[in-house]
């Protein structure tokens, strides 16, 4: 059975990135979401510099959407992000690396609302969400990219899949025990 869409998560080494590239070539699926898990919640690096280079040079251009959070975006682009405008600028740098669509997750900014920024060559969309006071946000980036992949595999446009995925994760955070 051939998958309708694929989500790629943490890739810690050059060898792993190369194996993923080989596998993607073999199965030839067009709908690929990359959640470049690179930095642990505590700040530790989870990927080496050589793997980041291969990801930037070869993998990013093969995926339909890349979903980095702000620290991951800073590593990928070298841009310090302090606000929504910096997020848009960094997203365009990722497009220049070959990304088709970018969703930068804005949860790391210190603000009352969470602004996730979707950018492609034709469109910019800011998804604004309420920031919930919860300690239960570990894994929400992974959950978001998985939800987006699911909605995208069901035939939603990539932008609509992002919108629905964000709503799904927000609902999960809101209804989770405090």
N, C-alpha and C. Protein backbone atom coordinates (compact mmCIF):
# COMPACT_ATOMS: atom_id res chain seq x y z
N UNK A 1 0.86 -1.18 0.00
CA UNK A 1 0.00 0.00 0.00
C UNK A 1 0.90 1.22 0.00
N UNK A 2 0.68 2.09 -0.94
CA UNK A 2 1.46 3.32 -1.04
C UNK A 2 0.80 4.41 -0.19
N UNK A 3 1.58 5.11 0.63
CA UNK A 3 0.99 6.17 1.45
C UNK A 3 0.54 7.36 0.60
N UNK A 4 -0.48 8.06 1.08
CA UNK A 4 -0.95 9.27 0.40
C UNK A 4 -0.09 10.48 0.76
N UNK A 5 0.51 10.44 1.93
CA UNK A 5 1.38 11.52 2.39
C UNK A 5 2.35 10.96 3.42
N UNK A 6 3.46 11.67 3.59
CA UNK A 6 4.50 11.24 4.52
C UNK A 6 4.91 12.43 5.38
N UNK A 7 5.10 12.15 6.67
CA UNK A 7 5.67 13.14 7.58
C UNK A 7 7.05 12.67 7.97
N UNK A 8 8.03 13.55 7.84
CA UNK A 8 9.40 13.27 8.24
C UNK A 8 9.68 14.11 9.48
N UNK A 9 10.22 13.46 10.51
CA UNK A 9 10.52 14.16 11.76
C UNK A 9 12.01 14.29 11.98
N UNK A 10 12.47 14.00 13.19
CA UNK A 10 13.86 14.23 13.58
C UNK A 10 14.83 13.37 12.77
N UNK A 11 15.83 14.04 12.22
CA UNK A 11 16.89 13.40 11.45
C UNK A 11 18.21 13.84 12.05
N UNK A 12 18.86 12.99 12.83
CA UNK A 12 19.99 13.46 13.62
C UNK A 12 21.36 13.38 12.96
N UNK A 13 21.46 12.66 11.83
CA UNK A 13 22.79 12.49 11.23
C UNK A 13 22.69 12.49 9.70
N UNK A 14 23.85 12.67 9.07
CA UNK A 14 23.93 12.65 7.61
C UNK A 14 23.42 11.31 7.07
N UNK A 15 23.79 10.22 7.74
CA UNK A 15 23.39 8.89 7.28
C UNK A 15 21.86 8.75 7.26
N UNK A 16 21.21 9.25 8.30
CA UNK A 16 19.75 9.17 8.38
C UNK A 16 19.11 10.02 7.29
N UNK A 17 19.60 11.24 7.09
CA UNK A 17 19.05 12.11 6.05
C UNK A 17 19.19 11.45 4.69
N UNK A 18 20.35 10.87 4.41
CA UNK A 18 20.57 10.21 3.12
C UNK A 18 19.63 9.01 2.93
N UNK A 19 19.41 8.24 3.99
CA UNK A 19 18.50 7.08 3.90
C UNK A 19 17.06 7.56 3.64
N UNK A 20 16.68 8.64 4.28
CA UNK A 20 15.33 9.19 4.05
C UNK A 20 15.21 9.64 2.60
N UNK A 21 16.21 10.31 2.09
CA UNK A 21 16.19 10.74 0.68
C UNK A 21 16.06 9.55 -0.27
N UNK A 22 16.82 8.47 0.00
CA UNK A 22 16.73 7.25 -0.81
C UNK A 22 15.32 6.66 -0.76
N UNK A 23 14.77 6.60 0.42
CA UNK A 23 13.43 6.02 0.61
C UNK A 23 12.37 6.85 -0.09
N UNK A 24 12.47 8.17 0.02
CA UNK A 24 11.49 9.03 -0.63
C UNK A 24 11.54 8.86 -2.15
N UNK A 25 12.75 8.68 -2.69
CA UNK A 25 12.89 8.47 -4.13
C UNK A 25 12.23 7.15 -4.56
N UNK A 26 12.39 6.11 -3.74
CA UNK A 26 11.83 4.80 -4.06
C UNK A 26 10.30 4.81 -4.06
N UNK A 27 9.71 5.41 -3.04
CA UNK A 27 8.24 5.35 -2.94
C UNK A 27 7.54 6.44 -3.74
N UNK A 28 8.27 7.49 -4.12
CA UNK A 28 7.75 8.51 -5.03
C UNK A 28 6.40 9.09 -4.59
N UNK A 29 6.32 9.54 -3.37
CA UNK A 29 5.13 10.22 -2.86
C UNK A 29 5.36 11.72 -2.98
N UNK A 30 4.36 12.44 -3.44
CA UNK A 30 4.50 13.88 -3.67
C UNK A 30 4.18 14.72 -2.44
N UNK A 31 3.33 14.23 -1.56
CA UNK A 31 2.91 14.99 -0.40
C UNK A 31 3.79 14.63 0.80
N UNK A 32 4.79 15.48 1.05
CA UNK A 32 5.76 15.21 2.11
C UNK A 32 5.84 16.43 3.02
N UNK A 33 5.68 16.20 4.31
CA UNK A 33 5.79 17.25 5.32
C UNK A 33 7.06 16.99 6.12
N UNK A 34 7.89 18.01 6.26
CA UNK A 34 9.13 17.91 7.03
C UNK A 34 9.02 18.76 8.28
N UNK A 35 9.06 18.10 9.42
CA UNK A 35 9.14 18.78 10.71
C UNK A 35 10.58 18.63 11.18
N UNK A 36 11.41 19.65 10.94
CA UNK A 36 12.85 19.51 11.20
C UNK A 36 13.17 19.64 12.69
N UNK A 37 12.90 18.60 13.43
CA UNK A 37 13.16 18.61 14.87
C UNK A 37 14.67 18.69 15.06
N UNK A 38 15.13 19.82 15.58
CA UNK A 38 16.57 20.06 15.67
C UNK A 38 17.04 20.44 17.06
N UNK A 39 16.14 20.96 17.87
CA UNK A 39 16.52 21.49 19.18
C UNK A 39 15.53 20.99 20.22
N UNK A 40 16.05 20.38 21.28
CA UNK A 40 15.19 19.90 22.37
C UNK A 40 14.61 21.10 23.11
N UNK A 41 13.50 20.85 23.82
CA UNK A 41 12.84 21.91 24.57
C UNK A 41 13.81 22.63 25.52
N UNK A 42 14.77 21.90 26.05
CA UNK A 42 15.77 22.48 26.94
C UNK A 42 16.88 23.24 26.23
N UNK A 43 16.90 23.19 24.90
CA UNK A 43 17.88 23.94 24.12
C UNK A 43 18.99 23.10 23.51
N UNK A 44 19.07 21.81 23.83
CA UNK A 44 20.13 20.95 23.30
C UNK A 44 19.92 20.67 21.82
N UNK A 45 21.01 20.66 21.04
CA UNK A 45 20.97 20.35 19.62
C UNK A 45 20.73 18.86 19.43
N UNK A 46 19.83 18.49 18.52
CA UNK A 46 19.49 17.10 18.26
C UNK A 46 19.97 16.63 16.88
N UNK A 47 20.68 17.49 16.18
CA UNK A 47 21.13 17.18 14.82
C UNK A 47 22.51 17.80 14.63
N UNK A 48 23.38 17.10 13.89
CA UNK A 48 24.71 17.67 13.70
C UNK A 48 24.73 18.61 12.49
N UNK A 49 25.78 19.43 12.41
CA UNK A 49 25.87 20.47 11.38
C UNK A 49 25.90 19.90 9.97
N UNK A 50 26.55 18.76 9.78
CA UNK A 50 26.61 18.15 8.45
C UNK A 50 25.22 17.70 8.00
N UNK A 51 24.45 17.17 8.93
CA UNK A 51 23.08 16.74 8.61
C UNK A 51 22.22 17.95 8.26
N UNK A 52 22.41 19.05 8.97
CA UNK A 52 21.66 20.27 8.66
C UNK A 52 21.98 20.74 7.25
N UNK A 53 23.25 20.67 6.87
CA UNK A 53 23.65 21.08 5.52
C UNK A 53 22.98 20.23 4.45
N UNK A 54 22.97 18.92 4.61
CA UNK A 54 22.32 18.02 3.64
C UNK A 54 20.81 18.29 3.60
N UNK A 55 20.23 18.51 4.77
CA UNK A 55 18.80 18.83 4.84
C UNK A 55 18.52 20.09 4.02
N UNK A 56 19.35 21.11 4.20
CA UNK A 56 19.16 22.38 3.48
C UNK A 56 19.44 22.24 1.98
N UNK A 57 20.46 21.46 1.62
CA UNK A 57 20.86 21.36 0.22
C UNK A 57 20.00 20.40 -0.59
N UNK A 58 19.52 19.32 0.05
CA UNK A 58 18.86 18.27 -0.73
C UNK A 58 17.44 17.95 -0.31
N UNK A 59 17.17 17.90 0.99
CA UNK A 59 15.85 17.43 1.43
C UNK A 59 14.78 18.51 1.33
N UNK A 60 15.10 19.72 1.70
CA UNK A 60 14.09 20.78 1.77
C UNK A 60 13.37 20.98 0.43
N UNK A 61 14.06 20.77 -0.67
CA UNK A 61 13.46 20.98 -1.99
C UNK A 61 12.56 19.81 -2.43
N UNK A 62 12.60 18.71 -1.67
CA UNK A 62 11.79 17.54 -2.00
C UNK A 62 10.44 17.53 -1.28
N UNK A 63 10.26 18.42 -0.31
CA UNK A 63 9.06 18.35 0.53
C UNK A 63 8.01 19.39 0.11
N UNK A 64 6.77 19.09 0.45
CA UNK A 64 5.68 20.01 0.16
C UNK A 64 5.61 21.15 1.15
N UNK A 65 6.00 20.85 2.40
CA UNK A 65 5.91 21.83 3.49
C UNK A 65 6.98 21.54 4.52
N UNK A 66 7.60 22.59 5.03
CA UNK A 66 8.52 22.47 6.16
C UNK A 66 7.91 23.25 7.32
N UNK A 67 7.95 22.66 8.53
CA UNK A 67 7.26 23.25 9.68
C UNK A 67 8.20 23.51 10.86
N UNK A 68 9.21 24.36 10.69
CA UNK A 68 10.11 24.60 11.82
C UNK A 68 9.50 25.53 12.86
N UNK A 69 9.93 25.36 14.11
CA UNK A 69 9.59 26.36 15.12
C UNK A 69 10.63 27.48 14.99
N UNK A 70 10.56 28.47 15.85
CA UNK A 70 11.46 29.62 15.72
C UNK A 70 12.93 29.25 15.93
N UNK A 71 13.29 28.51 17.00
CA UNK A 71 14.71 28.14 17.13
C UNK A 71 15.23 27.32 15.93
N UNK A 72 14.41 26.43 15.41
CA UNK A 72 14.82 25.64 14.23
C UNK A 72 14.98 26.53 13.01
N UNK A 73 14.07 27.48 12.84
CA UNK A 73 14.16 28.42 11.72
C UNK A 73 15.44 29.24 11.81
N UNK A 74 15.79 29.66 13.04
CA UNK A 74 17.02 30.43 13.23
C UNK A 74 18.24 29.61 12.84
N UNK A 75 18.26 28.32 13.17
CA UNK A 75 19.37 27.45 12.80
C UNK A 75 19.43 27.29 11.27
N UNK A 76 18.29 27.08 10.64
CA UNK A 76 18.25 26.86 9.19
C UNK A 76 18.59 28.10 8.38
N UNK A 77 18.26 29.28 8.90
CA UNK A 77 18.41 30.51 8.10
C UNK A 77 19.51 31.44 8.59
N UNK A 78 19.92 31.29 9.84
CA UNK A 78 20.88 32.23 10.42
C UNK A 78 20.27 33.57 10.78
N UNK A 79 18.95 33.64 10.76
CA UNK A 79 18.23 34.89 11.07
C UNK A 79 17.71 34.83 12.50
N UNK A 80 18.00 35.86 13.28
CA UNK A 80 17.45 35.97 14.64
C UNK A 80 16.01 36.46 14.52
N UNK A 81 15.07 35.71 15.11
CA UNK A 81 13.65 36.03 14.97
C UNK A 81 13.12 36.62 16.26
N UNK A 82 12.59 37.85 16.14
CA UNK A 82 12.04 38.55 17.29
C UNK A 82 10.56 38.87 17.12
N UNK A 83 10.06 38.76 15.89
CA UNK A 83 8.67 39.16 15.62
C UNK A 83 8.16 38.50 14.33
N UNK A 84 6.92 38.79 14.02
CA UNK A 84 6.25 38.21 12.85
C UNK A 84 6.97 38.59 11.55
N UNK A 85 7.46 39.81 11.47
CA UNK A 85 8.15 40.26 10.25
C UNK A 85 9.44 39.45 10.03
N UNK A 86 10.15 39.17 11.13
CA UNK A 86 11.34 38.33 11.03
C UNK A 86 10.97 36.92 10.57
N UNK A 87 9.82 36.43 11.03
CA UNK A 87 9.36 35.10 10.63
C UNK A 87 9.10 35.06 9.12
N UNK A 88 8.46 36.09 8.60
CA UNK A 88 8.17 36.16 7.16
C UNK A 88 9.47 36.23 6.36
N UNK A 89 10.41 37.05 6.82
CA UNK A 89 11.71 37.18 6.16
C UNK A 89 12.44 35.83 6.13
N UNK A 90 12.44 35.14 7.27
CA UNK A 90 13.10 33.82 7.36
C UNK A 90 12.39 32.80 6.48
N UNK A 91 11.06 32.84 6.45
CA UNK A 91 10.31 31.92 5.59
C UNK A 91 10.70 32.11 4.13
N UNK A 92 10.88 33.34 3.71
CA UNK A 92 11.30 33.60 2.34
C UNK A 92 12.70 33.07 2.07
N UNK A 93 13.55 33.10 3.06
CA UNK A 93 14.89 32.52 2.91
C UNK A 93 14.78 31.00 2.71
N UNK A 94 13.85 30.36 3.44
CA UNK A 94 13.62 28.92 3.26
C UNK A 94 13.06 28.64 1.87
N UNK A 95 12.20 29.52 1.36
CA UNK A 95 11.70 29.35 -0.01
C UNK A 95 12.86 29.43 -1.00
N UNK A 96 13.79 30.33 -0.74
CA UNK A 96 14.96 30.47 -1.62
C UNK A 96 15.86 29.23 -1.59
N UNK A 97 15.78 28.46 -0.50
CA UNK A 97 16.54 27.20 -0.42
C UNK A 97 15.83 26.07 -1.18
N UNK A 98 14.60 26.33 -1.66
CA UNK A 98 13.88 25.34 -2.44
C UNK A 98 12.59 24.84 -1.81
N UNK A 99 12.26 25.32 -0.61
CA UNK A 99 10.99 24.91 0.01
C UNK A 99 9.82 25.38 -0.85
N UNK A 100 8.78 24.55 -0.96
CA UNK A 100 7.58 24.95 -1.68
C UNK A 100 6.65 25.78 -0.80
N UNK A 101 6.51 25.35 0.45
CA UNK A 101 5.65 26.01 1.43
C UNK A 101 6.35 25.94 2.78
N UNK A 102 6.14 26.98 3.59
CA UNK A 102 6.77 27.07 4.91
C UNK A 102 5.70 27.45 5.92
N UNK A 103 5.68 26.75 7.05
CA UNK A 103 4.85 27.14 8.19
C UNK A 103 5.79 27.27 9.38
N UNK A 104 6.08 28.51 9.78
CA UNK A 104 6.91 28.74 10.95
C UNK A 104 5.99 28.86 12.15
N UNK A 105 6.24 27.98 13.12
CA UNK A 105 5.41 27.93 14.33
C UNK A 105 5.88 29.01 15.30
N UNK A 106 4.96 29.85 15.74
CA UNK A 106 5.30 31.03 16.51
C UNK A 106 5.20 30.91 18.01
N UNK A 107 5.05 29.73 18.53
CA UNK A 107 4.86 29.54 19.96
C UNK A 107 6.01 30.01 20.83
N UNK A 108 7.21 30.13 20.28
CA UNK A 108 8.37 30.54 21.08
C UNK A 108 8.45 32.05 21.29
N UNK A 109 7.68 32.82 20.54
CA UNK A 109 7.68 34.27 20.77
C UNK A 109 6.90 34.58 22.05
N UNK A 110 7.35 35.57 22.76
CA UNK A 110 6.69 35.97 24.00
C UNK A 110 5.59 36.98 23.66
N UNK A 111 4.38 36.46 23.45
CA UNK A 111 3.26 37.32 23.08
C UNK A 111 1.95 36.73 23.61
N UNK A 112 0.92 37.56 23.66
CA UNK A 112 -0.37 37.09 24.18
C UNK A 112 -1.05 36.12 23.22
N UNK A 113 -0.84 36.32 21.94
CA UNK A 113 -1.38 35.44 20.91
C UNK A 113 -0.23 34.66 20.27
N UNK A 114 -0.55 33.51 19.72
CA UNK A 114 0.44 32.74 18.96
C UNK A 114 0.18 33.01 17.49
N UNK A 115 1.21 33.44 16.79
CA UNK A 115 1.09 33.68 15.36
C UNK A 115 1.97 32.69 14.61
N UNK A 116 1.33 31.81 13.86
CA UNK A 116 2.03 30.87 12.99
C UNK A 116 1.99 31.46 11.59
N UNK A 117 3.13 31.46 10.91
CA UNK A 117 3.25 32.14 9.63
C UNK A 117 3.40 31.11 8.51
N UNK A 118 2.45 31.14 7.57
CA UNK A 118 2.47 30.29 6.38
C UNK A 118 2.91 31.15 5.20
N UNK A 119 3.91 30.68 4.45
CA UNK A 119 4.40 31.44 3.31
C UNK A 119 4.71 30.49 2.16
N UNK A 120 4.29 30.90 0.96
CA UNK A 120 4.80 30.28 -0.26
C UNK A 120 5.05 31.40 -1.25
N UNK A 121 5.38 31.08 -2.48
CA UNK A 121 5.73 32.14 -3.44
C UNK A 121 4.55 33.05 -3.80
N UNK A 122 3.33 32.59 -3.56
CA UNK A 122 2.15 33.37 -3.93
C UNK A 122 1.37 33.94 -2.75
N UNK A 123 1.65 33.49 -1.54
CA UNK A 123 0.75 33.78 -0.43
C UNK A 123 1.48 33.90 0.90
N UNK A 124 0.94 34.73 1.76
CA UNK A 124 1.34 34.81 3.16
C UNK A 124 0.07 34.77 3.98
N UNK A 125 0.02 33.88 4.95
CA UNK A 125 -1.15 33.77 5.82
C UNK A 125 -0.66 33.68 7.25
N UNK A 126 -1.20 34.52 8.12
CA UNK A 126 -0.87 34.49 9.53
C UNK A 126 -2.03 33.82 10.25
N UNK A 127 -1.77 32.71 10.90
CA UNK A 127 -2.77 32.02 11.71
C UNK A 127 -2.60 32.50 13.15
N UNK A 128 -3.60 33.20 13.66
CA UNK A 128 -3.54 33.76 15.00
C UNK A 128 -4.37 32.89 15.94
N UNK A 129 -3.75 32.47 17.04
CA UNK A 129 -4.41 31.59 18.00
C UNK A 129 -4.25 32.17 19.40
N UNK A 130 -5.18 31.80 20.27
CA UNK A 130 -5.07 32.15 21.67
C UNK A 130 -3.93 31.35 22.29
N UNK A 131 -3.14 32.00 23.13
CA UNK A 131 -2.10 31.29 23.87
C UNK A 131 -2.73 30.79 25.17
N UNK A 132 -2.73 29.48 25.36
CA UNK A 132 -3.31 28.88 26.56
C UNK A 132 -2.22 28.67 27.61
N UNK A 133 -2.55 28.99 28.83
CA UNK A 133 -1.61 28.80 29.93
C UNK A 133 -1.62 27.33 30.33
N UNK A 134 -0.70 26.57 29.76
CA UNK A 134 -0.66 25.13 29.98
C UNK A 134 0.78 24.65 29.97
N UNK A 135 1.07 23.70 30.81
CA UNK A 135 2.39 23.06 30.80
C UNK A 135 2.39 21.87 29.85
N UNK A 136 1.25 21.57 29.27
CA UNK A 136 1.07 20.38 28.42
C UNK A 136 1.25 20.72 26.94
N UNK A 137 2.40 21.31 26.61
CA UNK A 137 2.65 21.64 25.21
C UNK A 137 3.80 20.82 24.62
N UNK A 138 4.38 19.93 25.42
CA UNK A 138 5.46 19.08 24.89
C UNK A 138 4.90 18.19 23.78
N UNK A 139 5.54 18.20 22.62
CA UNK A 139 5.10 17.35 21.51
C UNK A 139 4.09 17.99 20.60
N UNK A 140 3.73 19.24 20.86
CA UNK A 140 2.69 19.86 20.02
C UNK A 140 3.19 20.14 18.60
N UNK A 141 4.49 20.37 18.43
CA UNK A 141 5.02 20.58 17.07
C UNK A 141 4.92 19.31 16.25
N UNK A 142 5.25 18.20 16.85
CA UNK A 142 5.14 16.89 16.19
C UNK A 142 3.68 16.56 15.89
N UNK A 143 2.83 16.85 16.86
CA UNK A 143 1.40 16.61 16.66
C UNK A 143 0.86 17.47 15.53
N UNK A 144 1.29 18.72 15.49
CA UNK A 144 0.84 19.63 14.43
C UNK A 144 1.25 19.11 13.05
N UNK A 145 2.51 18.76 12.88
CA UNK A 145 2.95 18.29 11.56
C UNK A 145 2.26 16.99 11.18
N UNK A 146 1.97 16.13 12.16
CA UNK A 146 1.22 14.90 11.88
C UNK A 146 -0.22 15.20 11.46
N UNK A 147 -0.85 16.15 12.16
CA UNK A 147 -2.22 16.53 11.80
C UNK A 147 -2.26 17.15 10.41
N UNK A 148 -1.31 18.03 10.11
CA UNK A 148 -1.25 18.64 8.77
C UNK A 148 -1.11 17.55 7.71
N UNK A 149 -0.22 16.59 7.96
CA UNK A 149 -0.01 15.50 7.01
C UNK A 149 -1.31 14.72 6.78
N UNK A 150 -2.03 14.49 7.86
CA UNK A 150 -3.30 13.75 7.76
C UNK A 150 -4.32 14.51 6.91
N UNK A 151 -4.51 15.79 7.22
CA UNK A 151 -5.47 16.60 6.45
C UNK A 151 -5.04 16.72 4.98
N UNK A 152 -3.74 16.88 4.75
CA UNK A 152 -3.21 16.99 3.39
C UNK A 152 -3.43 15.69 2.63
N UNK A 153 -3.25 14.56 3.30
CA UNK A 153 -3.44 13.25 2.65
C UNK A 153 -4.89 13.02 2.26
N UNK A 154 -5.80 13.69 2.96
CA UNK A 154 -7.25 13.55 2.68
C UNK A 154 -7.72 14.48 1.57
N UNK A 155 -6.81 15.23 0.95
CA UNK A 155 -7.18 16.06 -0.19
C UNK A 155 -7.32 17.54 0.10
N UNK A 156 -7.09 17.97 1.33
CA UNK A 156 -7.14 19.41 1.62
C UNK A 156 -5.93 20.08 0.99
N UNK A 157 -6.07 21.36 0.65
CA UNK A 157 -4.92 22.11 0.16
C UNK A 157 -3.91 22.21 1.30
N UNK A 158 -2.68 22.51 0.99
CA UNK A 158 -1.65 22.58 2.04
C UNK A 158 -1.97 23.70 3.03
N UNK A 159 -2.46 24.83 2.56
CA UNK A 159 -2.80 25.93 3.47
C UNK A 159 -3.98 25.56 4.36
N UNK A 160 -5.00 24.92 3.81
CA UNK A 160 -6.16 24.48 4.60
C UNK A 160 -5.73 23.40 5.60
N UNK A 161 -4.84 22.51 5.18
CA UNK A 161 -4.35 21.48 6.09
C UNK A 161 -3.62 22.11 7.27
N UNK A 162 -2.87 23.18 7.01
CA UNK A 162 -2.19 23.91 8.11
C UNK A 162 -3.23 24.52 9.05
N UNK A 163 -4.23 25.17 8.48
CA UNK A 163 -5.28 25.79 9.30
C UNK A 163 -5.98 24.75 10.18
N UNK A 164 -6.36 23.63 9.59
CA UNK A 164 -7.06 22.58 10.34
C UNK A 164 -6.15 21.92 11.38
N UNK A 165 -4.88 21.74 11.03
CA UNK A 165 -3.92 21.17 11.97
C UNK A 165 -3.72 22.07 13.18
N UNK A 166 -3.63 23.37 12.94
CA UNK A 166 -3.47 24.34 14.04
C UNK A 166 -4.71 24.31 14.94
N UNK A 167 -5.89 24.27 14.34
CA UNK A 167 -7.12 24.19 15.14
C UNK A 167 -7.15 22.91 15.98
N UNK A 168 -6.73 21.82 15.40
CA UNK A 168 -6.69 20.54 16.10
C UNK A 168 -5.78 20.61 17.33
N UNK A 169 -4.56 21.12 17.14
CA UNK A 169 -3.59 21.20 18.24
C UNK A 169 -4.08 22.17 19.31
N UNK A 170 -4.65 23.30 18.90
CA UNK A 170 -5.18 24.25 19.88
C UNK A 170 -6.29 23.62 20.71
N UNK A 171 -7.14 22.85 20.07
CA UNK A 171 -8.20 22.16 20.80
C UNK A 171 -7.63 21.15 21.79
N UNK A 172 -6.58 20.45 21.36
CA UNK A 172 -5.93 19.47 22.25
C UNK A 172 -5.31 20.16 23.46
N UNK A 173 -4.67 21.29 23.25
CA UNK A 173 -4.06 22.03 24.36
C UNK A 173 -5.15 22.55 25.30
N UNK A 174 -6.20 23.10 24.73
CA UNK A 174 -7.29 23.67 25.53
C UNK A 174 -8.00 22.63 26.39
N UNK A 175 -8.19 21.44 25.83
CA UNK A 175 -8.95 20.40 26.56
C UNK A 175 -8.08 19.48 27.40
N UNK A 176 -6.77 19.68 27.36
CA UNK A 176 -5.84 18.87 28.14
C UNK A 176 -5.88 19.31 29.62
N UNK A 177 -5.73 18.40 30.55
CA UNK A 177 -5.70 18.80 31.96
C UNK A 177 -4.56 19.78 32.22
N UNK A 178 -4.80 20.75 33.09
CA UNK A 178 -3.79 21.79 33.38
C UNK A 178 -2.66 21.25 34.20
